[in-house]
C-alpha atoms as a PDB file:
ATOM      1  CA  MET A   1       6.471  13.709  -6.883  1.00  0.00           C
ATOM      2  CA  ARG A   2       3.376  12.477  -5.074  1.00  0.00           C
ATOM      3  CA  ASP A   3       2.579  13.781  -1.594  1.00  0.00           C
ATOM      4  CA  PRO A   4       3.504  11.056   0.976  1.00  0.00           C
ATOM      5  CA  LEU A   5       0.075  11.590   2.573  1.00  0.00           C
ATOM      6  CA  PHE A   6      -1.385   9.581  -0.317  1.00  0.00           C
ATOM      7  CA  ASP A   7       0.790   6.541   0.463  1.00  0.00           C
ATOM      8  CA  LEU A   8      -0.130   6.074   4.132  1.00  0.00           C
ATOM      9  CA  PRO A   9      -1.631   2.596   4.603  1.00  0.00           C
ATOM     10  CA  CYS A  10      -5.251   2.409   5.738  1.00  0.00           C
ATOM     11  CA  ILE A  11      -7.345  -0.710   6.372  1.00  0.00           C
ATOM     12  CA  THR A  12     -10.828  -0.791   4.868  1.00  0.00           C
ATOM     13  CA  ILE A  13     -13.796  -1.880   6.943  1.00  0.00           C
ATOM     14  CA  ASP A  14     -13.574  -5.294   5.254  1.00  0.00           C
ATOM     15  CA  GLY A  15      -9.859  -5.707   6.012  1.00  0.00           C
ATOM     16  CA  GLN A  16      -8.160  -4.655   2.766  1.00  0.00           C
ATOM     17  CA  GLN A  17      -5.119  -2.408   2.802  1.00  0.00           C
ATOM     18  CA  LYS A  18      -5.592   0.783   0.795  1.00  0.00           C
ATOM     19  CA  ALA A  19      -3.973   4.184   0.550  1.00  0.00           C
ATOM     20  CA  LEU A  20      -5.480   7.497  -0.522  1.00  0.00           C
ATOM     21  CA  ALA A  21      -3.611   7.067  -3.815  1.00  0.00           C
ATOM     22  CA  ASP A  22      -5.775   4.005  -4.557  1.00  0.00           C
ATOM     23  CA  PHE A  23      -8.807   6.238  -4.989  1.00  0.00           C
ATOM     24  CA  ASP A  24      -9.089   7.941  -8.348  1.00  0.00           C
ATOM     25  CA  ALA A  25     -10.111  11.295  -6.949  1.00  0.00           C
ATOM     26  CA  LYS A  26      -9.605  14.997  -7.518  1.00  0.00           C
ATOM     27  CA  VAL A  27     -10.995  15.725  -4.058  1.00  0.00           C
ATOM     28  CA  LEU A  28     -11.111  13.555  -0.929  1.00  0.00           C
ATOM     29  CA  LEU A  29     -13.347  14.184   2.051  1.00  0.00           C
ATOM     30  CA  VAL A  30     -11.969  12.357   5.109  1.00  0.00           C
ATOM     31  CA  VAL A  31     -14.298  12.162   8.115  1.00  0.00           C
ATOM     32  CA  ASN A  32     -13.953  10.534  11.535  1.00  0.00           C
ATOM     33  CA  THR A  33     -17.356   8.967  12.164  1.00  0.00           C
ATOM     34  CA  ALA A  34     -19.379   7.268  14.911  1.00  0.00           C
ATOM     35  CA  SER A  35     -22.669   5.365  14.984  1.00  0.00           C
ATOM     36  CA  GLU A  36     -24.052   6.609  18.298  1.00  0.00           C
ATOM     37  CA  CYS A  37     -23.292  10.330  18.104  1.00  0.00           C
ATOM     38  CA  GLY A  38     -25.594  13.312  17.894  1.00  0.00           C
ATOM     39  CA  PHE A  39     -23.922  14.035  14.540  1.00  0.00           C
ATOM     40  CA  THR A  40     -24.502  10.500  13.185  1.00  0.00           C
ATOM     41  CA  PRO A  41     -27.324  11.725  10.888  1.00  0.00           C
ATOM     42  CA  GLN A  42     -24.553  13.488   8.937  1.00  0.00           C
ATOM     43  CA  TYR A  43     -23.982  10.122   7.263  1.00  0.00           C
ATOM     44  CA  LYS A  44     -27.010  11.009   5.127  1.00  0.00           C
ATOM     45  CA  GLY A  45     -25.431  14.287   4.008  1.00  0.00           C
ATOM     46  CA  LEU A  46     -22.061  12.641   3.379  1.00  0.00           C
ATOM     47  CA  GLU A  47     -23.756  10.011   1.214  1.00  0.00           C
ATOM     48  CA  ALA A  48     -25.584  12.769  -0.687  1.00  0.00           C
ATOM     49  CA  LEU A  49     -22.268  14.547  -1.401  1.00  0.00           C
ATOM     50  CA  TRP A  50     -20.733  11.254  -2.534  1.00  0.00           C
ATOM     51  CA  LYS A  51     -23.611  10.560  -4.923  1.00  0.00           C
ATOM     52  CA  ARG A  52     -23.733  14.128  -6.213  1.00  0.00           C
ATOM     53  CA  TYR A  53     -20.016  14.561  -6.918  1.00  0.00           C
ATOM     54  CA  ARG A  54     -18.403  11.151  -7.320  1.00  0.00           C
ATOM     55  CA  GLU A  55     -18.648  11.202 -11.113  1.00  0.00           C
ATOM     56  CA  ARG A  56     -16.753  14.494 -11.049  1.00  0.00           C
ATOM     57  CA  GLY A  57     -13.965  13.189  -8.806  1.00  0.00           C
ATOM     58  CA  LEU A  58     -15.022  13.361  -5.135  1.00  0.00           C
ATOM     59  CA  VAL A  59     -14.426  10.419  -2.842  1.00  0.00           C
ATOM     60  CA  VAL A  60     -15.844  10.462   0.695  1.00  0.00           C
ATOM     61  CA  LEU A  61     -13.893   8.301   3.168  1.00  0.00           C
ATOM     62  CA  GLY A  62     -15.337   7.414   6.571  1.00  0.00           C
ATOM     63  CA  PHE A  63     -13.049   6.452   9.449  1.00  0.00           C
ATOM     64  CA  PRO A  64     -15.008   5.181  12.472  1.00  0.00           C
ATOM     65  CA  CYS A  65     -13.546   6.300  15.791  1.00  0.00           C
ATOM     66  CA  ASP A  66     -14.460   5.348  19.360  1.00  0.00           C
ATOM     67  CA  GLN A  67     -12.427   8.026  21.159  1.00  0.00           C
ATOM     68  CA  PHE A  68     -15.296  10.393  21.922  1.00  0.00           C
ATOM     69  CA  GLY A  69     -17.818   9.248  24.503  1.00  0.00           C
ATOM     70  CA  HIS A  70     -17.567   5.569  23.406  1.00  0.00           C
ATOM     71  CA  GLN A  71     -19.917   6.403  20.539  1.00  0.00           C
ATOM     72  CA  GLU A  72     -18.561   3.764  18.158  1.00  0.00           C
ATOM     73  CA  PRO A  73     -18.652   0.603  20.284  1.00  0.00           C
ATOM     74  CA  GLY A  74     -19.313  -1.933  17.512  1.00  0.00           C
ATOM     75  CA  ASN A  75     -16.927  -3.980  15.448  1.00  0.00           C
ATOM     76  CA  GLU A  76     -16.353  -3.368  11.750  1.00  0.00           C
ATOM     77  CA  THR A  77     -19.150  -5.688  10.607  1.00  0.00           C
ATOM     78  CA  GLN A  78     -21.640  -4.009  12.947  1.00  0.00           C
ATOM     79  CA  ILE A  79     -20.525  -0.558  11.817  1.00  0.00           C
ATOM     80  CA  ALA A  80     -20.817  -1.394   8.106  1.00  0.00           C
ATOM     81  CA  THR A  81     -24.267  -2.938   8.601  1.00  0.00           C
ATOM     82  CA  PHE A  82     -25.478   0.021  10.657  1.00  0.00           C
ATOM     83  CA  CYS A  83     -24.273   2.573   8.096  1.00  0.00           C
ATOM     84  CA  GLU A  84     -25.756   0.769   5.110  1.00  0.00           C
ATOM     85  CA  ARG A  85     -29.075  -0.096   6.759  1.00  0.00           C
ATOM     86  CA  ASN A  86     -29.745   3.265   8.418  1.00  0.00           C
ATOM     87  CA  PHE A  87     -28.181   5.732   5.981  1.00  0.00           C
ATOM     88  CA  GLY A  88     -27.596   3.837   2.738  1.00  0.00           C
ATOM     89  CA  VAL A  89     -23.867   4.498   2.998  1.00  0.00           C
ATOM     90  CA  SER A  90     -22.061   3.333  -0.116  1.00  0.00           C
ATOM     91  CA  PHE A  91     -18.908   5.455   0.155  1.00  0.00           C
ATOM     92  CA  PRO A  92     -15.744   3.709   1.406  1.00  0.00           C
ATOM     93  CA  LEU A  93     -15.503   3.019   5.134  1.00  0.00           C
ATOM     94  CA  PHE A  94     -12.405   1.998   7.041  1.00  0.00           C
ATOM     95  CA  ALA A  95     -11.569   0.002  10.131  1.00  0.00           C
ATOM     96  CA  LYS A  96     -11.835   1.873  13.424  1.00  0.00           C
ATOM     97  CA  VAL A  97      -8.975   4.263  14.095  1.00  0.00           C
ATOM     98  CA  GLN A  98      -7.827   6.611  16.782  1.00  0.00           C
ATOM     99  CA  VAL A  99      -7.485  10.225  15.709  1.00  0.00           C
ATOM    100  CA  ASN A 100      -5.823  11.712  18.812  1.00  0.00           C
ATOM    101  CA  GLY A 101      -3.090  10.614  21.182  1.00  0.00           C
ATOM    102  CA  GLY A 102      -0.102   8.325  20.844  1.00  0.00           C
ATOM    103  CA  GLU A 103      -2.043   5.704  18.885  1.00  0.00           C
ATOM    104  CA  ALA A 104      -3.506   8.162  16.358  1.00  0.00           C
ATOM    105  CA  HIS A 105      -3.540   6.864  12.807  1.00  0.00           C
ATOM    106  CA  PRO A 106      -0.720   8.478  10.755  1.00  0.00           C
ATOM    107  CA  LEU A 107      -3.273   9.886   8.288  1.00  0.00           C
ATOM    108  CA  PHE A 108      -4.942  11.895  11.037  1.00  0.00           C
ATOM    109  CA  VAL A 109      -1.591  12.928  12.506  1.00  0.00           C
ATOM    110  CA  GLN A 110      -0.724  14.467   9.142  1.00  0.00           C
ATOM    111  CA  LEU A 111      -4.160  15.997   8.530  1.00  0.00           C
ATOM    112  CA  LYS A 112      -4.178  17.665  11.954  1.00  0.00           C
ATOM    113  CA  ARG A 113      -0.671  19.004  11.407  1.00  0.00           C
ATOM    114  CA  ARG A 114      -1.477  20.405   7.967  1.00  0.00           C
ATOM    115  CA  ALA A 115      -4.926  21.766   8.815  1.00  0.00           C
ATOM    116  CA  PRO A 116      -5.079  22.762  12.492  1.00  0.00           C
ATOM    117  CA  GLY A 117      -8.375  23.608  14.099  1.00  0.00           C
ATOM    118  CA  LEU A 118      -9.642  26.723  15.772  1.00  0.00           C
ATOM    119  CA  LEU A 119      -6.876  28.848  17.307  1.00  0.00           C
ATOM    120  CA  GLY A 120      -4.255  26.446  15.938  1.00  0.00           C
ATOM    121  CA  SER A 121      -5.453  23.445  17.926  1.00  0.00           C
ATOM    122  CA  ARG A 122      -4.296  20.156  16.484  1.00  0.00           C
ATOM    123  CA  ALA A 123      -6.550  17.821  18.459  1.00  0.00           C
ATOM    124  CA  ILE A 124      -9.775  16.669  16.904  1.00  0.00           C
ATOM    125  CA  LYS A 125     -12.528  17.748  19.262  1.00  0.00           C
ATOM    126  CA  TRP A 126     -15.324  15.320  18.331  1.00  0.00           C
ATOM    127  CA  ASN A 127     -16.763  12.885  15.815  1.00  0.00           C
ATOM    128  CA  PHE A 128     -17.530  14.054  12.275  1.00  0.00           C
ATOM    129  CA  THR A 129     -14.600  16.423  11.925  1.00  0.00           C
ATOM    130  CA  LYS A 130     -14.048  16.748   8.186  1.00  0.00           C
ATOM    131  CA  PHE A 131     -10.888  17.237   6.108  1.00  0.00           C
ATOM    132  CA  LEU A 132     -11.211  18.233   2.464  1.00  0.00           C
ATOM    133  CA  ILE A 133      -8.072  17.297   0.524  1.00  0.00           C
ATOM    134  CA  ALA A 134      -7.548  18.732  -2.963  1.00  0.00           C
ATOM    135  CA  ASP A 135      -4.855  19.713  -5.435  1.00  0.00           C
ATOM    136  CA  GLU A 136      -2.893  16.506  -4.759  1.00  0.00           C
ATOM    137  CA  GLY A 137      -2.600  17.378  -1.069  1.00  0.00           C
ATOM    138  CA  ARG A 138      -1.552  20.999  -1.517  1.00  0.00           C
ATOM    139  CA  SER A 139      -4.942  22.142  -0.216  1.00  0.00           C
ATOM    140  CA  ILE A 140      -6.338  20.700   3.007  1.00  0.00           C
ATOM    141  CA  GLU A 141      -9.277  22.366   4.716  1.00  0.00           C
ATOM    142  CA  ARG A 142     -10.678  21.363   8.097  1.00  0.00           C
ATOM    143  CA  PHE A 143     -14.326  21.625   9.099  1.00  0.00           C
ATOM    144  CA  SER A 144     -15.818  21.067  12.537  1.00  0.00           C
ATOM    145  CA  SER A 145     -18.361  18.470  13.544  1.00  0.00           C
ATOM    146  CA  ARG A 146     -21.008  21.175  13.509  1.00  0.00           C
ATOM    147  CA  THR A 147     -20.430  21.893   9.815  1.00  0.00           C
ATOM    148  CA  ALA A 148     -23.162  20.073   7.925  1.00  0.00           C
ATOM    149  CA  PRO A 149     -21.948  18.092   4.917  1.00  0.00           C
ATOM    150  CA  GLU A 150     -24.228  20.161   2.662  1.00  0.00           C
ATOM    151  CA  ALA A 151     -22.255  23.273   3.649  1.00  0.00           C
ATOM    152  CA  LEU A 152     -19.172  21.787   1.971  1.00  0.00           C
ATOM    153  CA  ALA A 153     -20.702  21.762  -1.526  1.00  0.00           C
ATOM    154  CA  ALA A 154     -19.262  25.150  -2.525  1.00  0.00           C
ATOM    155  CA  HIS A 155     -15.794  24.138  -1.293  1.00  0.00           C
ATOM    156  CA  ILE A 156     -15.984  20.865  -3.226  1.00  0.00           C
ATOM    157  CA  GLU A 157     -17.216  22.648  -6.369  1.00  0.00           C
ATOM    158  CA  THR A 158     -14.231  25.022  -6.227  1.00  0.00           C
ATOM    159  CA  HIS A 159     -11.815  22.118  -6.425  1.00  0.00           C
ATOM    160  CA  LEU A 160     -13.696  20.110  -9.032  1.00  0.00           C
ATOM    161  CA  LYS A 161     -13.634  22.826 -11.709  1.00  0.00           C
END
């Protein structure tokens, strides 16, 4: 039986409905992103992971979020253009979501519940928090904004073997 996490509806940055199950992946890296954040250069590292591991089963998924310091003020078209032009982003991006509070997207509600942060905190503290989902949802690891994408390579490799 498939984990219900994989059936939660998500809207792509170009308005299509998708679910995690729609991505043929052994490992998913879900990241809440923003275009005007001090961590925004991590897009480059996320794209590098995507290019390095996609043939082996990694899919990077970016979910823009404007809940932290109004650092994602643009609309979906502006976000997509910014990411492609400045960082060559080719991994899937989604429509803006909220990750905390009563309007939090159900995907992030589940990820926070299954992989709490430091000292058991469920709230996402800032942009570029990363969730690595493997083993059909049985393994979910959470990494802080400060964790550089390159630092995830060993974790990804473990799950791609």
